[in-house]
C-alpha atoms as a PDB file:
ATOM      1  CA  MET A   1       8.562 -33.397 -10.508  1.00  0.00           C
ATOM      2  CA  LYS A   2       7.647 -31.071  -7.622  1.00  0.00           C
ATOM      3  CA  LYS A   3       5.783 -27.902  -8.235  1.00  0.00           C
ATOM      4  CA  ILE A   4       6.150 -24.665  -6.218  1.00  0.00           C
ATOM      5  CA  VAL A   5       3.813 -22.002  -7.006  1.00  0.00           C
ATOM      6  CA  ILE A   6       4.272 -18.870  -5.785  1.00  0.00           C
ATOM      7  CA  LEU A   7       1.035 -16.230  -6.144  1.00  0.00           C
ATOM      8  CA  GLY A   8       2.072 -12.867  -6.114  1.00  0.00           C
ATOM      9  CA  GLY A   9       4.992 -10.635  -7.386  1.00  0.00           C
ATOM     10  CA  GLY A  10       5.107  -8.372  -4.082  1.00  0.00           C
ATOM     11  CA  TYR A  11       8.172  -8.065  -1.808  1.00  0.00           C
ATOM     12  CA  GLY A  12       7.269 -11.469   0.174  1.00  0.00           C
ATOM     13  CA  GLY A  13       6.910 -13.318  -3.323  1.00  0.00           C
ATOM     14  CA  VAL A  14       9.779 -11.950  -5.210  1.00  0.00           C
ATOM     15  CA  LEU A  15      11.892 -12.883  -2.077  1.00  0.00           C
ATOM     16  CA  THR A  16      10.542 -16.195  -1.580  1.00  0.00           C
ATOM     17  CA  ALA A  17      11.324 -17.150  -5.081  1.00  0.00           C
ATOM     18  CA  LYS A  18      14.879 -15.680  -5.374  1.00  0.00           C
ATOM     19  CA  LYS A  19      15.199 -17.926  -2.135  1.00  0.00           C
ATOM     20  CA  LEU A  20      13.827 -20.884  -3.023  1.00  0.00           C
ATOM     21  CA  ALA A  21      15.889 -20.569  -6.702  1.00  0.00           C
ATOM     22  CA  LYS A  22      19.323 -20.321  -5.051  1.00  0.00           C
ATOM     23  CA  LYS A  23      18.453 -23.260  -2.560  1.00  0.00           C
ATOM     24  CA  PHE A  24      16.974 -25.441  -5.560  1.00  0.00           C
ATOM     25  CA  LYS A  25      19.622 -24.312  -7.994  1.00  0.00           C
ATOM     26  CA  LYS A  26      20.802 -27.932  -8.908  1.00  0.00           C
ATOM     27  CA  ASN A  27      17.673 -29.865  -7.985  1.00  0.00           C
ATOM     28  CA  LYS A  28      16.251 -30.679 -11.269  1.00  0.00           C
ATOM     29  CA  ASP A  29      13.003 -32.126  -9.650  1.00  0.00           C
ATOM     30  CA  VAL A  30      11.919 -28.979  -8.581  1.00  0.00           C
ATOM     31  CA  GLU A  31      10.033 -26.354 -10.493  1.00  0.00           C
ATOM     32  CA  ILE A  32       9.292 -22.775  -9.352  1.00  0.00           C
ATOM     33  CA  THR A  33       6.641 -20.714 -10.938  1.00  0.00           C
ATOM     34  CA  LEU A  34       5.426 -17.363  -9.865  1.00  0.00           C
ATOM     35  CA  ILE A  35       2.225 -15.980 -11.067  1.00  0.00           C
ATOM     36  CA  ASP A  36       1.345 -12.313 -11.044  1.00  0.00           C
ATOM     37  CA  ARG A  37      -1.257 -10.183 -13.304  1.00  0.00           C
ATOM     38  CA  ASN A  38       1.414  -7.404 -13.540  1.00  0.00           C
ATOM     39  CA  PRO A  39       4.761  -8.121 -15.711  1.00  0.00           C
ATOM     40  CA  TYR A  40       6.180  -5.723 -12.966  1.00  0.00           C
ATOM     41  CA  HIS A  41       7.160  -5.354  -9.317  1.00  0.00           C
ATOM     42  CA  THR A  42       6.318  -2.023  -7.676  1.00  0.00           C
ATOM     43  CA  LEU A  43       8.535  -0.671  -5.183  1.00  0.00           C
ATOM     44  CA  LEU A  44       5.625   0.271  -2.840  1.00  0.00           C
ATOM     45  CA  THR A  45       7.988   1.644  -0.314  1.00  0.00           C
ATOM     46  CA  GLU A  46       9.024   4.357  -2.809  1.00  0.00           C
ATOM     47  CA  LEU A  47       5.864   5.391  -4.113  1.00  0.00           C
ATOM     48  CA  HIS A  48       5.740   8.849  -2.169  1.00  0.00           C
ATOM     49  CA  GLU A  49       8.984   9.739  -3.771  1.00  0.00           C
ATOM     50  CA  VAL A  50       7.083   9.143  -7.362  1.00  0.00           C
ATOM     51  CA  ALA A  51       3.791  11.346  -5.997  1.00  0.00           C
ATOM     52  CA  ALA A  52       5.878  14.265  -4.493  1.00  0.00           C
ATOM     53  CA  ASN A  53       8.102  13.982  -8.222  1.00  0.00           C
ATOM     54  CA  ARG A  54      11.910  13.224  -6.325  1.00  0.00           C
ATOM     55  CA  ALA A  55      12.138   9.747  -8.560  1.00  0.00           C
ATOM     56  CA  PRO A  56      11.480   9.042 -11.954  1.00  0.00           C
ATOM     57  CA  GLU A  57       7.629   7.232 -12.403  1.00  0.00           C
ATOM     58  CA  ASP A  58       9.567   3.951 -14.228  1.00  0.00           C
ATOM     59  CA  SER A  59      12.373   3.941 -11.183  1.00  0.00           C
ATOM     60  CA  ILE A  60       9.698   2.259  -8.875  1.00  0.00           C
ATOM     61  CA  LYS A  61       9.001  -0.553 -11.599  1.00  0.00           C
ATOM     62  CA  ILE A  62      11.206  -3.825 -12.268  1.00  0.00           C
ATOM     63  CA  ASP A  63      10.460  -6.009 -14.719  1.00  0.00           C
ATOM     64  CA  LEU A  64       9.847  -9.430 -13.042  1.00  0.00           C
ATOM     65  CA  LYS A  65      11.824 -11.295 -16.009  1.00  0.00           C
ATOM     66  CA  LYS A  66      14.546  -9.026 -15.222  1.00  0.00           C
ATOM     67  CA  ILE A  67      14.584  -9.630 -11.668  1.00  0.00           C
ATOM     68  CA  PHE A  68      14.672 -13.734 -12.401  1.00  0.00           C
ATOM     69  CA  ALA A  69      16.979 -13.594 -15.255  1.00  0.00           C
ATOM     70  CA  GLY A  70      19.166 -16.521 -15.050  1.00  0.00           C
ATOM     71  CA  LEU A  71      17.460 -18.013 -12.159  1.00  0.00           C
ATOM     72  CA  LYS A  72      15.330 -21.085 -11.968  1.00  0.00           C
ATOM     73  CA  VAL A  73      12.138 -19.336 -11.618  1.00  0.00           C
ATOM     74  CA  ASP A  74       9.267 -19.256 -14.046  1.00  0.00           C
ATOM     75  CA  VAL A  75       7.195 -16.073 -14.431  1.00  0.00           C
ATOM     76  CA  VAL A  76       4.035 -16.491 -15.582  1.00  0.00           C
ATOM     77  CA  LEU A  77       1.657 -13.284 -16.398  1.00  0.00           C
ATOM     78  CA  ASP A  78      -2.034 -14.499 -15.351  1.00  0.00           C
ATOM     79  CA  GLU A  79      -4.985 -13.395 -12.928  1.00  0.00           C
ATOM     80  CA  ILE A  80      -5.856 -16.164 -10.369  1.00  0.00           C
ATOM     81  CA  SER A  81      -9.396 -15.982  -9.618  1.00  0.00           C
ATOM     82  CA  ASN A  82      -9.818 -19.576  -7.677  1.00  0.00           C
ATOM     83  CA  ILE A  83      -7.803 -21.663  -5.738  1.00  0.00           C
ATOM     84  CA  ASP A  84      -9.126 -25.326  -5.138  1.00  0.00           C
ATOM     85  CA  PHE A  85      -7.119 -26.368  -2.240  1.00  0.00           C
ATOM     86  CA  LYS A  86      -8.315 -30.482  -2.599  1.00  0.00           C
ATOM     87  CA  SER A  87      -7.340 -30.684  -6.005  1.00  0.00           C
ATOM     88  CA  ARG A  88      -4.214 -28.334  -5.249  1.00  0.00           C
ATOM     89  CA  LYS A  89      -4.705 -26.186  -8.377  1.00  0.00           C
ATOM     90  CA  LEU A  90      -5.110 -22.758  -9.267  1.00  0.00           C
ATOM     91  CA  LYS A  91      -7.548 -21.366 -11.892  1.00  0.00           C
ATOM     92  CA  SER A  92      -7.654 -18.481 -14.113  1.00  0.00           C
ATOM     93  CA  ASP A  93     -10.108 -17.333 -16.789  1.00  0.00           C
ATOM     94  CA  LYS A  94      -7.463 -19.071 -19.108  1.00  0.00           C
ATOM     95  CA  ALA A  95      -5.603 -21.621 -17.268  1.00  0.00           C
ATOM     96  CA  THR A  96      -5.328 -24.053 -14.860  1.00  0.00           C
ATOM     97  CA  TYR A  97      -2.116 -24.587 -12.451  1.00  0.00           C
ATOM     98  CA  ALA A  98      -1.053 -27.556 -10.443  1.00  0.00           C
ATOM     99  CA  TYR A  99       0.907 -27.027  -7.142  1.00  0.00           C
ATOM    100  CA  ASP A 100       2.510 -29.400  -4.748  1.00  0.00           C
ATOM    101  CA  TYR A 101       3.402 -26.478  -2.443  1.00  0.00           C
ATOM    102  CA  LEU A 102       1.522 -23.195  -2.704  1.00  0.00           C
ATOM    103  CA  VAL A 103       2.811 -19.719  -1.446  1.00  0.00           C
ATOM    104  CA  ILE A 104      -0.009 -16.916  -1.460  1.00  0.00           C
ATOM    105  CA  GLY A 105       1.755 -13.376  -1.472  1.00  0.00           C
ATOM    106  CA  THR A 106      -0.990 -11.536  -2.943  1.00  0.00           C
ATOM    107  CA  GLY A 107      -0.912  -8.641  -0.795  1.00  0.00           C
ATOM    108  CA  SER A 108      -3.781  -6.341   0.231  1.00  0.00           C
ATOM    109  CA  LYS A 109      -5.676  -3.650  -0.997  1.00  0.00           C
ATOM    110  CA  PRO A 110      -7.207  -0.129   0.864  1.00  0.00           C
ATOM    111  CA  THR A 111     -10.161  -0.564   3.518  1.00  0.00           C
ATOM    112  CA  PHE A 112     -12.326   2.197   3.870  1.00  0.00           C
ATOM    113  CA  PHE A 113     -13.859   0.944   6.846  1.00  0.00           C
ATOM    114  CA  GLY A 114     -17.461   1.930   5.332  1.00  0.00           C
ATOM    115  CA  ILE A 115     -16.833   5.674   5.791  1.00  0.00           C
ATOM    116  CA  PRO A 116     -19.651   7.090   3.623  1.00  0.00           C
ATOM    117  CA  GLY A 117     -17.736   8.706   0.268  1.00  0.00           C
ATOM    118  CA  ALA A 118     -14.332   7.549   1.526  1.00  0.00           C
ATOM    119  CA  GLU A 119     -13.941   5.640  -1.372  1.00  0.00           C
ATOM    120  CA  GLU A 120     -15.252   7.756  -3.886  1.00  0.00           C
ATOM    121  CA  ASN A 121     -13.817  10.896  -3.029  1.00  0.00           C
ATOM    122  CA  THR A 122     -10.113  10.381  -2.151  1.00  0.00           C
ATOM    123  CA  PHE A 123      -7.209   9.152  -3.749  1.00  0.00           C
ATOM    124  CA  SER A 124      -6.011   5.956  -3.240  1.00  0.00           C
ATOM    125  CA  PHE A 125      -2.574   5.448  -2.703  1.00  0.00           C
ATOM    126  CA  TRP A 126      -1.587   1.854  -3.065  1.00  0.00           C
ATOM    127  CA  SER A 127      -0.043   1.319  -6.598  1.00  0.00           C
ATOM    128  CA  TYR A 128       2.044   2.425  -9.057  1.00  0.00           C
ATOM    129  CA  ASP A 129      -1.052   3.741 -10.857  1.00  0.00           C
ATOM    130  CA  ASP A 130      -2.044   5.604  -7.815  1.00  0.00           C
ATOM    131  CA  ALA A 131       1.272   7.355  -7.345  1.00  0.00           C
ATOM    132  CA  VAL A 132       1.220   8.407 -10.451  1.00  0.00           C
ATOM    133  CA  ALA A 133      -2.324   9.891 -10.785  1.00  0.00           C
ATOM    134  CA  LEU A 134      -1.738  11.794  -7.567  1.00  0.00           C
ATOM    135  CA  LYS A 135       1.285  13.233  -8.861  1.00  0.00           C
ATOM    136  CA  ARG A 136      -0.386  14.600 -11.591  1.00  0.00           C
ATOM    137  CA  GLN A 137      -3.321  16.070  -8.976  1.00  0.00           C
ATOM    138  CA  ILE A 138      -0.651  17.590  -7.177  1.00  0.00           C
ATOM    139  CA  ARG A 139       0.837  19.442 -10.202  1.00  0.00           C
ATOM    140  CA  ASP A 140      -2.717  19.982 -11.249  1.00  0.00           C
ATOM    141  CA  MET A 141      -3.875  21.845  -8.536  1.00  0.00           C
ATOM    142  CA  TYR A 142      -1.044  23.943  -8.282  1.00  0.00           C
ATOM    143  CA  THR A 143      -1.422  25.188 -11.886  1.00  0.00           C
ATOM    144  CA  LYS A 144      -5.026  25.793 -11.473  1.00  0.00           C
ATOM    145  CA  ALA A 145      -4.735  27.670  -8.090  1.00  0.00           C
ATOM    146  CA  ALA A 146      -2.451  30.095  -9.730  1.00  0.00           C
ATOM    147  CA  MET A 147      -4.579  31.424 -12.097  1.00  0.00           C
ATOM    148  CA  GLU A 148      -7.997  30.886  -9.790  1.00  0.00           C
ATOM    149  CA  LYS A 149      -9.322  34.314  -8.751  1.00  0.00           C
ATOM    150  CA  ASN A 150     -12.163  33.089  -6.103  1.00  0.00           C
ATOM    151  CA  PRO A 151     -10.283  32.653  -2.548  1.00  0.00           C
ATOM    152  CA  ALA A 152     -12.419  29.877  -1.509  1.00  0.00           C
ATOM    153  CA  VAL A 153     -11.842  27.589  -4.316  1.00  0.00           C
ATOM    154  CA  ARG A 154      -8.229  28.591  -4.604  1.00  0.00           C
ATOM    155  CA  ARG A 155      -7.667  27.650  -1.053  1.00  0.00           C
ATOM    156  CA  ALA A 156      -9.315  24.327  -1.570  1.00  0.00           C
ATOM    157  CA  MET A 157      -7.069  23.513  -4.369  1.00  0.00           C
ATOM    158  CA  LEU A 158      -4.148  24.508  -2.331  1.00  0.00           C
ATOM    159  CA  THR A 159      -5.260  22.305   0.841  1.00  0.00           C
ATOM    160  CA  PHE A 160      -4.096  18.899   0.532  1.00  0.00           C
ATOM    161  CA  VAL A 161      -5.452  16.089   3.007  1.00  0.00           C
ATOM    162  CA  ILE A 162      -3.807  12.815   3.975  1.00  0.00           C
ATOM    163  CA  ILE A 163      -6.021  10.600   5.778  1.00  0.00           C
ATOM    164  CA  GLY A 164      -3.989   7.965   7.663  1.00  0.00           C
ATOM    165  CA  ALA A 165      -0.597   8.627   9.590  1.00  0.00           C
ATOM    166  CA  GLY A 166       1.011   5.549   9.593  1.00  0.00           C
ATOM    167  CA  PHE A 167       4.298   5.097   7.550  1.00  0.00           C
ATOM    168  CA  THR A 168       2.539   5.647   4.275  1.00  0.00           C
ATOM    169  CA  GLY A 169       0.669   8.743   5.199  1.00  0.00           C
ATOM    170  CA  VAL A 170       3.551  10.493   6.946  1.00  0.00           C
ATOM    171  CA  GLU A 171       6.033   9.914   4.127  1.00  0.00           C
ATOM    172  CA  LEU A 172       3.742  11.310   1.932  1.00  0.00           C
ATOM    173  CA  VAL A 173       2.694  14.531   3.740  1.00  0.00           C
ATOM    174  CA  GLY A 174       6.551  14.735   4.335  1.00  0.00           C
ATOM    175  CA  GLU A 175       7.436  14.471   0.530  1.00  0.00           C
ATOM    176  CA  MET A 176       4.910  17.077  -0.151  1.00  0.00           C
ATOM    177  CA  ALA A 177       5.969  19.319   2.425  1.00  0.00           C
ATOM    178  CA  GLU A 178       9.415  19.312   1.012  1.00  0.00           C
ATOM    179  CA  GLN A 179       8.154  20.128  -2.456  1.00  0.00           C
ATOM    180  CA  ARG A 180       5.873  22.514  -1.657  1.00  0.00           C
ATOM    181  CA  GLU A 181       8.722  25.533  -1.866  1.00  0.00           C
ATOM    182  CA  GLU A 182       9.608  24.092  -5.366  1.00  0.00           C
ATOM    183  CA  LEU A 183       6.204  24.248  -6.618  1.00  0.00           C
ATOM    184  CA  CYS A 184       4.923  27.703  -4.794  1.00  0.00           C
ATOM    185  CA  LYS A 185       8.197  29.245  -6.384  1.00  0.00           C
ATOM    186  CA  GLU A 186       7.173  27.816  -9.705  1.00  0.00           C
ATOM    187  CA  PHE A 187       3.768  28.741  -9.606  1.00  0.00           C
ATOM    188  CA  PHE A 188       4.531  32.059  -8.015  1.00  0.00           C
ATOM    189  CA  ILE A 189       2.143  30.691  -4.883  1.00  0.00           C
ATOM    190  CA  ASP A 190       3.205  32.215  -1.085  1.00  0.00           C
ATOM    191  CA  PRO A 191       3.931  28.835   0.461  1.00  0.00           C
ATOM    192  CA  SER A 192       1.740  29.937   3.525  1.00  0.00           C
ATOM    193  CA  GLU A 193      -1.409  29.627   1.074  1.00  0.00           C
ATOM    194  CA  VAL A 194      -0.585  25.713   1.125  1.00  0.00           C
ATOM    195  CA  ARG A 195      -2.010  23.637   3.844  1.00  0.00           C
ATOM    196  CA  LEU A 196      -0.968  20.470   4.351  1.00  0.00           C
ATOM    197  CA  ILE A 197      -2.901  18.203   6.830  1.00  0.00           C
ATOM    198  CA  VAL A 198      -2.122  14.493   7.853  1.00  0.00           C
ATOM    199  CA  ALA A 199      -5.001  13.176   9.952  1.00  0.00           C
ATOM    200  CA  ASP A 200      -6.005   9.887  11.806  1.00  0.00           C
ATOM    201  CA  MET A 201      -8.355   8.162  14.310  1.00  0.00           C
ATOM    202  CA  ALA A 202      -5.851   6.735  16.493  1.00  0.00           C
ATOM    203  CA  PRO A 203      -4.690   9.160  19.177  1.00  0.00           C
ATOM    204  CA  LYS A 204      -1.097   9.612  17.683  1.00  0.00           C
ATOM    205  CA  ILE A 205       0.757   9.385  14.614  1.00  0.00           C
ATOM    206  CA  LEU A 206       2.938   6.309  13.494  1.00  0.00           C
ATOM    207  CA  PRO A 207       1.509   4.229  16.569  1.00  0.00           C
ATOM    208  CA  ILE A 208       3.563   1.095  16.000  1.00  0.00           C
ATOM    209  CA  LEU A 209       6.717   3.299  17.291  1.00  0.00           C
ATOM    210  CA  PRO A 210       8.201   4.136  20.614  1.00  0.00           C
ATOM    211  CA  ASP A 211       6.698   7.659  21.916  1.00  0.00           C
ATOM    212  CA  LYS A 212      10.545   9.386  21.644  1.00  0.00           C
ATOM    213  CA  LEU A 213      10.473   8.931  17.760  1.00  0.00           C
ATOM    214  CA  ILE A 214       6.982   9.655  17.380  1.00  0.00           C
ATOM    215  CA  GLN A 215       7.679  12.950  19.421  1.00  0.00           C
ATOM    216  CA  LYS A 216      10.926  13.537  16.876  1.00  0.00           C
ATOM    217  CA  ALA A 217       8.635  13.018  13.742  1.00  0.00           C
ATOM    218  CA  GLU A 218       5.755  15.167  14.865  1.00  0.00           C
ATOM    219  CA  ALA A 219       8.459  17.969  15.466  1.00  0.00           C
ATOM    220  CA  ARG A 220       9.835  17.684  12.213  1.00  0.00           C
ATOM    221  CA  LEU A 221       6.209  17.463  10.518  1.00  0.00           C
ATOM    222  CA  ARG A 222       5.496  20.705  12.518  1.00  0.00           C
ATOM    223  CA  LYS A 223       8.642  22.466  11.379  1.00  0.00           C
ATOM    224  CA  LEU A 224       7.826  21.444   7.757  1.00  0.00           C
ATOM    225  CA  ASN A 225       4.509  23.526   8.417  1.00  0.00           C
ATOM    226  CA  VAL A 226       1.938  20.370   8.427  1.00  0.00           C
ATOM    227  CA  GLU A 227      -1.059  20.116  10.541  1.00  0.00           C
ATOM    228  CA  ILE A 228      -1.450  16.861  12.501  1.00  0.00           C
ATOM    229  CA  VAL A 229      -5.026  16.181  13.726  1.00  0.00           C
ATOM    230  CA  THR A 230      -5.408  13.001  15.573  1.00  0.00           C
ATOM    231  CA  GLY A 231      -7.797  11.415  17.560  1.00  0.00           C
ATOM    232  CA  ALA A 232     -10.116  12.502  14.515  1.00  0.00           C
ATOM    233  CA  LYS A 233     -13.253  10.467  14.116  1.00  0.00           C
ATOM    234  CA  ILE A 234     -13.660  11.119  10.180  1.00  0.00           C
ATOM    235  CA  THR A 235     -17.492  10.299   9.851  1.00  0.00           C
ATOM    236  CA  GLU A 236     -17.814  11.622   5.891  1.00  0.00           C
ATOM    237  CA  VAL A 237     -16.033  12.438   3.114  1.00  0.00           C
ATOM    238  CA  GLY A 238     -17.475  14.557   0.437  1.00  0.00           C
ATOM    239  CA  ASN A 239     -16.708  15.792  -3.042  1.00  0.00           C
ATOM    240  CA  GLY A 240     -14.345  18.094  -2.212  1.00  0.00           C
ATOM    241  CA  SER A 241     -14.270  18.448   1.400  1.00  0.00           C
ATOM    242  CA  VAL A 242     -13.595  16.069   4.464  1.00  0.00           C
ATOM    243  CA  ALA A 243     -15.366  15.873   8.044  1.00  0.00           C
ATOM    244  CA  LEU A 244     -11.839  15.710  10.783  1.00  0.00           C
ATOM    245  CA  GLY A 245     -14.424  15.373  13.441  1.00  0.00           C
ATOM    246  CA  GLU A 246     -17.741  16.698  14.257  1.00  0.00           C
ATOM    247  CA  LYS A 247     -17.164  20.374  13.713  1.00  0.00           C
ATOM    248  CA  ASN A 248     -13.881  20.319  11.642  1.00  0.00           C
ATOM    249  CA  VAL A 249     -15.044  20.062   8.059  1.00  0.00           C
ATOM    250  CA  VAL A 250     -12.222  20.540   5.689  1.00  0.00           C
ATOM    251  CA  ASP A 251     -12.683  22.004   1.887  1.00  0.00           C
ATOM    252  CA  SER A 252     -10.002  20.164  -0.167  1.00  0.00           C
ATOM    253  CA  GLN A 253      -9.989  19.210  -3.906  1.00  0.00           C
ATOM    254  CA  THR A 254      -7.117  16.584  -3.057  1.00  0.00           C
ATOM    255  CA  ILE A 255      -7.873  14.064  -0.029  1.00  0.00           C
ATOM    256  CA  VAL A 256      -5.656  10.829  -0.079  1.00  0.00           C
ATOM    257  CA  TRP A 257      -6.485   7.857   1.769  1.00  0.00           C
ATOM    258  CA  THR A 258      -3.787   5.908   3.720  1.00  0.00           C
ATOM    259  CA  ALA A 259      -5.903   4.868   6.505  1.00  0.00           C
ATOM    260  CA  GLY A 260      -5.474   1.208   6.473  1.00  0.00           C
ATOM    261  CA  VAL A 261      -5.586  -1.988   4.183  1.00  0.00           C
ATOM    262  CA  GLU A 262      -7.273  -5.572   3.861  1.00  0.00           C
ATOM    263  CA  GLY A 263      -6.542  -8.876   2.011  1.00  0.00           C
ATOM    264  CA  SER A 264      -6.637  -8.822  -1.414  1.00  0.00           C
ATOM    265  CA  GLU A 265      -9.743  -9.610  -3.506  1.00  0.00           C
ATOM    266  CA  ILE A 266      -8.845 -13.479  -3.819  1.00  0.00           C
ATOM    267  CA  VAL A 267      -7.908 -14.278  -0.330  1.00  0.00           C
ATOM    268  CA  GLY A 268     -11.037 -12.885   0.911  1.00  0.00           C
ATOM    269  CA  GLY A 269     -13.085 -15.501  -0.702  1.00  0.00           C
ATOM    270  CA  LEU A 270     -10.586 -18.308   0.164  1.00  0.00           C
ATOM    271  CA  GLU A 271     -12.012 -20.909   2.334  1.00  0.00           C
ATOM    272  CA  VAL A 272      -9.488 -20.598   4.862  1.00  0.00           C
ATOM    273  CA  GLN A 273      -9.553 -19.250   8.514  1.00  0.00           C
ATOM    274  CA  GLN A 274      -9.153 -15.216   8.450  1.00  0.00           C
ATOM    275  CA  GLN A 275      -8.675 -12.683  10.751  1.00  0.00           C
ATOM    276  CA  GLY A 276      -8.107  -8.747  11.279  1.00  0.00           C
ATOM    277  CA  ARG A 277      -9.197  -7.602   8.035  1.00  0.00           C
ATOM    278  CA  LYS A 278      -8.737 -10.710   5.554  1.00  0.00           C
ATOM    279  CA  ARG A 279      -5.503 -12.074   6.566  1.00  0.00           C
ATOM    280  CA  ILE A 280      -4.961 -15.761   6.457  1.00  0.00           C
ATOM    281  CA  VAL A 281      -4.028 -17.313  10.184  1.00  0.00           C
ATOM    282  CA  THR A 282      -0.823 -19.349   9.836  1.00  0.00           C
ATOM    283  CA  ASN A 283       1.218 -21.504  12.479  1.00  0.00           C
ATOM    284  CA  GLU A 284       5.042 -20.215  13.211  1.00  0.00           C
ATOM    285  CA  ASN A 285       6.148 -21.781  10.056  1.00  0.00           C
ATOM    286  CA  LEU A 286       3.919 -19.580   8.016  1.00  0.00           C
ATOM    287  CA  GLU A 287       1.964 -22.403   7.045  1.00  0.00           C
ATOM    288  CA  SER A 288      -1.829 -22.048   6.826  1.00  0.00           C
ATOM    289  CA  VAL A 289      -3.373 -23.876   9.874  1.00  0.00           C
ATOM    290  CA  ASP A 290      -6.124 -25.120   7.246  1.00  0.00           C
ATOM    291  CA  HIS A 291      -4.079 -26.661   4.795  1.00  0.00           C
ATOM    292  CA  LYS A 292      -0.659 -28.384   4.607  1.00  0.00           C
ATOM    293  CA  ASN A 293       2.009 -27.296   1.986  1.00  0.00           C
ATOM    294  CA  VAL A 294      -0.057 -23.661   2.011  1.00  0.00           C
ATOM    295  CA  TYR A 295       2.261 -21.153   2.857  1.00  0.00           C
ATOM    296  CA  VAL A 296       1.530 -17.495   3.360  1.00  0.00           C
ATOM    297  CA  VAL A 297       4.077 -14.450   2.978  1.00  0.00           C
ATOM    298  CA  GLY A 298       3.849 -10.460   3.229  1.00  0.00           C
ATOM    299  CA  ASP A 299       0.284  -8.876   4.138  1.00  0.00           C
ATOM    300  CA  ASN A 300      -1.806 -11.766   3.872  1.00  0.00           C
ATOM    301  CA  ILE A 301      -0.094 -13.323   7.069  1.00  0.00           C
ATOM    302  CA  PHE A 302      -1.981 -13.274  10.303  1.00  0.00           C
ATOM    303  CA  TYR A 303       0.513 -14.875  13.034  1.00  0.00           C
ATOM    304  CA  ILE A 304       0.848 -13.763  16.741  1.00  0.00           C
ATOM    305  CA  PRO A 305       4.335 -14.533  17.623  1.00  0.00           C
ATOM    306  CA  GLU A 306       4.972 -15.859  21.188  1.00  0.00           C
ATOM    307  CA  GLY A 307       4.746 -13.897  23.900  1.00  0.00           C
ATOM    308  CA  GLU A 308       3.414 -10.775  21.824  1.00  0.00           C
ATOM    309  CA  THR A 309      -0.242  -9.674  21.863  1.00  0.00           C
ATOM    310  CA  ARG A 310      -0.768  -8.523  18.210  1.00  0.00           C
ATOM    311  CA  PRO A 311      -0.137  -9.945  14.645  1.00  0.00           C
ATOM    312  CA  VAL A 312       2.536  -9.380  13.187  1.00  0.00           C
ATOM    313  CA  PRO A 313       2.123  -5.678  11.303  1.00  0.00           C
ATOM    314  CA  GLN A 314       1.803  -5.339   7.854  1.00  0.00           C
ATOM    315  CA  MET A 315       5.019  -3.983   7.163  1.00  0.00           C
ATOM    316  CA  VAL A 316       7.600  -4.674   4.411  1.00  0.00           C
ATOM    317  CA  GLU A 317      10.287  -5.544   6.668  1.00  0.00           C
ATOM    318  CA  ASN A 318       8.203  -8.196   7.885  1.00  0.00           C
END
């Protein structure tokens, strides 16, 4: 019996498990197990829709057992703390899982680049819980601002800063801009009082896109009254303020961090070649260059395709 173990129920892990289940449907000598700490898969590309109340909270959670109903995939709920490549075993606090082939797809987590106060004073935006917390925070700020008499405090409540102008940050600020009218109407707030800022250290938003599309996105954001701040050296995030460059300190009660990711906790501690913020170096078959029969999917991959200078970007399409 050949044991294939897939670690992680994100897009990469789920897709791999489905394809393998189809391929080995009639092969009784292959056993496929998917291990994740959550019983559900999160549609990470839809987080912004929940945060801005366009989609119900539960619509972005899909039960893993439901995904694999009728398929040859055993779903195990557990949190793996260690991988022993020599003995081909995964270990958790309660069990050990042997494998012949391992697929690592544990995803990533926000990285704060050592900026003082960034982790403590921002809302991260990388999970189902993050989206729900931000949705509540946005509504809470409009509710409190409607009753606030102090103009400076009210202004800070109605100023929302998104740090990071990649796909996640731009999608989120766009959704919040479209939601603004509806919330202002509900709470009798003049829309001109609500400030939405998307800021990035890079010289342009959505740097992965061609310039023509970047210009189109910028024009759309400006039409929605979103302030775009690029080339901003973010030096510090305080409790209720953020420094976007040396002289631009913005008071805000809601600062959201979407400025980059690094490999998950477990990947960071593995004995494998890593590059580019805890990503595992693979060959063209997405196999770890250090360990045979260990494959990598999703955000954990560090692979530079032939003719390219940069690794495959950490995007769901990839």
